[in-house]
Protein backbone atom coordinates (compact mmCIF):
# COMPACT_ATOMS: atom_id res chain seq x y z
CA MET A 1 0.00 0.00 0.00
CA LYS A 2 2.90 2.38 0.79
CA THR A 3 4.39 1.69 -2.64
CA ALA A 4 1.05 2.31 -4.35
CA ALA A 5 0.60 5.60 -2.51
CA LEU A 6 4.04 6.77 -3.51
CA LEU A 7 3.45 5.82 -7.13
CA SER A 8 0.25 7.89 -7.12
CA LEU A 9 2.23 10.90 -5.94
CA LEU A 10 4.81 10.28 -8.63
CA LEU A 11 2.08 10.56 -11.25
CA VAL A 12 0.82 13.83 -9.82
CA VAL A 13 4.11 15.69 -10.17
CA ALA A 14 5.82 13.71 -12.93
CA CYS A 15 5.65 16.72 -15.23
CA ASP A 16 8.47 18.59 -13.46
CA GLY A 17 10.97 15.77 -12.91
CA ARG A 18 10.79 15.61 -9.11
CA GLU A 19 10.00 11.91 -9.29
CA GLU A 20 13.59 11.22 -10.32
CA SER A 21 15.03 12.48 -7.03
CA ALA A 22 12.52 10.43 -5.05
CA ILE A 23 13.40 7.27 -6.96
CA ASP A 24 17.11 8.00 -6.46
CA ASN A 25 16.56 8.43 -2.71
CA LEU A 26 14.75 5.09 -2.50
CA ALA A 27 17.47 3.38 -4.53
CA ASN A 28 20.07 4.74 -2.13
CA GLY A 29 18.32 3.21 0.86
CA ALA A 30 16.37 6.21 2.14
CA ASN A 31 13.47 5.56 4.47
CA ALA A 32 10.38 5.03 2.28
CA ALA A 33 8.08 6.84 4.72
CA GLN A 34 10.33 9.90 4.76
CA VAL A 35 10.49 9.99 0.99
CA GLU A 36 6.75 9.61 0.74
CA ASN A 37 6.11 12.42 3.23
CA GLN A 38 8.49 14.76 1.42
CA PHE A 39 7.03 13.89 -1.93
CA ARG A 40 3.46 14.31 -0.66
CA ALA A 41 4.27 17.80 0.62
CA GLU A 42 5.72 18.75 -2.77
CA ALA A 43 2.74 17.30 -4.60
CA MET A 44 0.25 19.12 -2.39
CA ALA A 45 1.98 22.39 -3.16
CA VAL A 46 0.97 22.15 -6.84
CA MET A 47 -2.56 20.85 -6.27
CA GLU A 48 -5.69 22.96 -6.49
CA PRO A 49 -6.41 24.62 -3.13
CA LEU A 50 -9.32 23.43 -1.03
CA ASN A 51 -11.81 26.27 -1.30
CA PRO A 52 -15.39 25.06 -0.71
CA PRO A 53 -18.27 27.45 -1.50
CA ALA A 54 -19.07 30.05 1.14
CA PRO A 55 -22.36 30.03 3.11
CA GLY A 56 -25.24 31.20 0.93
CA ALA A 57 -23.48 30.33 -2.33
CA PRO A 58 -24.47 27.27 -4.39
CA GLY A 59 -22.95 24.28 -2.61
CA GLY A 60 -22.40 26.28 0.58
CA LEU A 61 -24.10 25.97 3.94
CA PRO A 62 -27.30 27.94 4.51
CA VAL A 63 -26.77 31.37 6.02
CA ASP A 64 -27.86 31.29 9.64
CA PRO A 65 -27.58 34.10 12.21
CA ALA A 66 -26.97 31.59 15.00
CA PRO A 67 -24.13 29.22 14.00
CA ILE A 68 -22.95 26.38 16.17
CA ALA A 69 -21.94 27.59 19.63
CA GLU A 70 -18.38 27.31 20.86
CA GLY A 71 -17.22 26.54 24.38
CA SER A 72 -19.22 24.97 27.17
CA ILE A 73 -22.79 24.08 26.22
CA ASP A 74 -25.48 21.68 27.39
CA PRO A 75 -24.55 18.32 25.81
CA ASP A 76 -28.25 17.37 25.70
CA SER A 77 -29.19 20.43 23.64
CA ALA A 78 -29.35 20.86 19.87
CA GLN A 79 -25.98 22.60 20.04
CA GLY A 80 -24.67 19.54 21.86
CA ALA A 81 -25.80 17.44 18.91
CA ALA A 82 -23.98 19.78 16.52
CA GLN A 83 -20.80 19.39 18.56
CA VAL A 84 -21.08 15.62 18.12
CA VAL A 85 -21.13 16.23 14.35
CA GLN A 86 -18.04 18.43 14.66
CA GLY A 87 -16.31 15.69 16.61
CA TYR A 88 -17.31 13.04 14.07
CA TYR A 89 -15.79 14.84 11.10
CA GLY A 90 -12.77 15.79 13.17
CA LEU A 91 -12.14 12.09 13.77
CA LEU A 92 -12.55 11.35 10.06
CA GLU A 93 -10.06 14.12 9.29
CA GLU A 94 -7.57 12.39 11.60
CA LYS A 95 -8.44 9.00 10.04
CA ARG A 96 -9.57 7.70 13.43
CA PHE A 97 -12.33 5.67 11.81
CA GLU A 98 -12.99 3.32 14.71
CA ASP A 99 -13.55 6.24 17.09
CA ALA A 100 -15.77 7.97 14.51
CA GLN A 101 -17.92 4.87 14.17
CA ASP A 102 -18.52 4.92 17.94
CA LEU A 103 -20.59 8.10 17.45
CA TRP A 104 -23.19 6.20 15.41
CA ASN A 105 -26.19 4.45 16.94
CA PRO A 106 -24.55 1.22 18.16
CA ALA A 107 -27.67 -0.76 17.27
CA GLY A 108 -27.93 0.64 13.73
CA ALA A 109 -26.63 -0.88 10.52
CA ILE A 110 -23.55 1.36 10.34
CA GLY A 111 -22.87 1.15 14.06
CA LEU A 112 -22.83 -2.64 13.77
CA GLN A 113 -20.45 -2.76 10.80
CA ASP A 114 -17.01 -4.23 11.34
CA ASP A 115 -14.16 -1.74 11.44
CA ALA A 116 -12.77 -2.61 8.01
CA HIS A 117 -16.08 -2.08 6.22
CA PHE A 118 -16.67 1.24 7.94
CA ALA A 119 -13.18 2.51 7.10
CA ALA A 120 -13.63 1.40 3.46
CA ARG A 121 -16.31 4.09 3.06
CA PHE A 122 -13.58 6.71 3.05
CA ARG A 123 -10.83 5.02 1.07
CA GLY A 124 -11.54 7.20 -1.97
CA PHE A 125 -10.43 10.36 -0.16
CA SER A 126 -6.96 11.49 0.88
CA GLU A 127 -8.42 14.36 2.92
CA ILE A 128 -11.78 14.89 4.63
CA HIS A 129 -12.85 18.15 6.29
CA ALA A 130 -16.18 19.69 7.23
CA ASN A 131 -17.93 22.95 8.04
CA VAL A 132 -20.86 22.38 10.40
CA GLY A 133 -24.00 24.51 10.22
CA ALA A 134 -26.60 25.47 12.79
CA PRO A 135 -28.75 22.59 14.12
CA SER A 136 -32.51 22.39 13.86
CA ASP A 137 -34.74 22.67 16.90
CA PRO A 138 -35.10 19.30 18.66
CA GLU A 139 -38.17 17.27 17.71
CA GLY A 140 -39.63 14.67 20.05
CA THR A 141 -40.99 11.30 18.92
CA ALA A 142 -41.95 8.31 21.09
CA GLY A 143 -39.68 8.99 24.04
CA SER A 144 -36.69 10.32 22.08
CA MET A 145 -35.42 13.53 20.53
CA HIS A 146 -34.09 14.16 17.03
CA VAL A 147 -31.93 17.00 15.68
CA THR A 148 -30.83 17.63 12.09
CA VAL A 149 -27.47 19.31 11.43
CA PRO A 150 -26.37 20.54 7.98
CA VAL A 151 -22.72 20.00 7.12
CA GLN A 152 -20.51 20.90 4.19
CA VAL A 153 -18.07 18.05 3.63
CA TYR A 154 -15.02 18.78 1.51
CA GLY A 155 -11.58 17.39 0.87
CA ARG A 156 -9.43 15.77 -1.77
CA ILE A 157 -9.89 12.72 -3.99
CA ALA A 158 -7.16 10.15 -3.34
CA ALA A 159 -6.76 9.02 -6.95
CA ASN A 160 -5.93 12.41 -8.44
CA GLY A 161 -5.71 14.98 -5.64
CA ARG A 162 -8.65 17.01 -6.95
CA PRO A 163 -10.83 18.94 -4.48
CA TRP A 164 -14.43 17.90 -3.90
CA HIS A 165 -17.34 19.11 -1.80
CA VAL A 166 -20.93 18.19 -1.03
CA LEU A 167 -23.68 19.26 1.35
CA ARG A 168 -25.00 16.61 3.73
CA GLN A 169 -27.32 16.53 6.69
CA VAL A 170 -26.80 14.51 9.84
CA VAL A 171 -29.75 13.29 11.89
CA LEU A 172 -28.97 12.56 15.54
CA ARG A 173 -31.12 10.92 18.20
CA ARG A 174 -31.08 10.64 21.97
CA VAL A 175 -33.48 8.98 24.41
CA ASP A 176 -35.38 11.29 26.75
CA ASP A 177 -34.43 11.47 30.41
CA VAL A 178 -36.96 8.83 31.45
CA PRO A 179 -36.73 6.22 34.21
CA GLY A 180 -34.86 3.14 33.05
CA SER A 181 -32.85 4.88 30.31
CA THR A 182 -29.08 4.54 30.45
CA GLN A 183 -26.50 7.30 30.20
CA GLU A 184 -25.38 5.86 26.86
CA GLN A 185 -28.94 6.02 25.49
CA ARG A 186 -29.33 9.62 26.66
CA ARG A 187 -26.38 10.95 24.65
CA TRP A 188 -26.63 11.99 21.02
CA HIS A 189 -25.89 9.32 18.41
CA ILE A 190 -25.81 9.64 14.64
CA GLU A 191 -28.80 7.92 13.06
CA THR A 192 -28.37 8.84 9.38
CA ILE A 193 -26.21 10.96 7.09
CA GLY A 194 -27.82 11.81 3.77
CA ALA A 195 -28.25 14.43 1.09
CA TYR A 196 -28.97 17.93 2.38
CA GLN A 197 -32.66 18.83 2.25
CA PRO A 198 -33.12 22.61 2.56
CA PRO A 199 -36.38 24.01 3.96
CA VAL A 200 -39.04 24.35 1.30
CA ASP A 201 -39.19 28.12 1.77
CA ALA A 202 -35.40 28.60 1.73
CA PRO A 203 -33.99 30.78 -1.09
CA GLY A 204 -32.37 28.63 -3.80
CA ALA A 205 -33.71 25.45 -2.24
CA ASP A 206 -31.90 23.11 -4.63
CA ASN A 207 -28.60 24.77 -3.64
CA GLY A 208 -26.89 23.10 -6.58
CA THR A 209 -25.76 20.20 -4.42
CA GLU A 210 -26.81 17.01 -6.16
CA ALA A 211 -24.12 14.51 -5.24
CA GLN A 212 -22.21 12.55 -7.86
CA ALA A 213 -20.83 9.30 -6.50
CA ILE A 214 -17.23 8.45 -7.25
CA SER A 215 -17.47 4.86 -6.04
CA MET A 216 -19.94 2.53 -4.40
CA THR A 217 -18.21 2.97 -1.06
CA ASP A 218 -18.20 6.81 -1.10
CA GLY A 219 -21.58 7.81 -2.34
CA MET A 220 -20.99 11.33 -1.14
CA ALA A 221 -18.44 13.19 -3.25
CA LYS A 222 -19.15 15.80 -5.86
CA ARG A 223 -16.69 16.64 -8.56
CA PRO A 224 -16.15 20.41 -8.73
């Protein structure tokens, strides 16, 4: 896998001859990881910058006067749910896939997946980042609460280094504070992540964000 990753980087910057020095370094016994890291830094320098659309623009988050709160907040509130979303994409950014999966409903289909299958969802991306929008008001159903959080996911495609972005929405659920419920049940868990659905009365409701899948395991990237 290390060799394949290095070869991909060689293809990215082959036009300016830098691949020759990397090959020479490897031939002379240099540490492969060091060569790869140096080469990756050089390749990133010539790639398109990551510049996802701004809020209010097509492909950007909706403009909201009350964005996600920072600092100490009630973990049971809607803002607490939005912080879970921030934490989830932060873990994906760090490639801590097992920890990220722990934020899903443990009894759901994705929460029950084995680690390898969950991590495979993100193998098409060399970078994953996110901008998190303001959460919806909590809605109660049958002893539980739901919150929807819009998120702009963006990053870089592993195969060619190109930027990508897409709008998604994360639905989180927690059990109400009722007798017999456990602490685990009363914290926010991710139930679903799907295509962003703007309010019907929102300006530019389609937002230009129809996702174009790159592979069966991604299902979420949009080519710019």
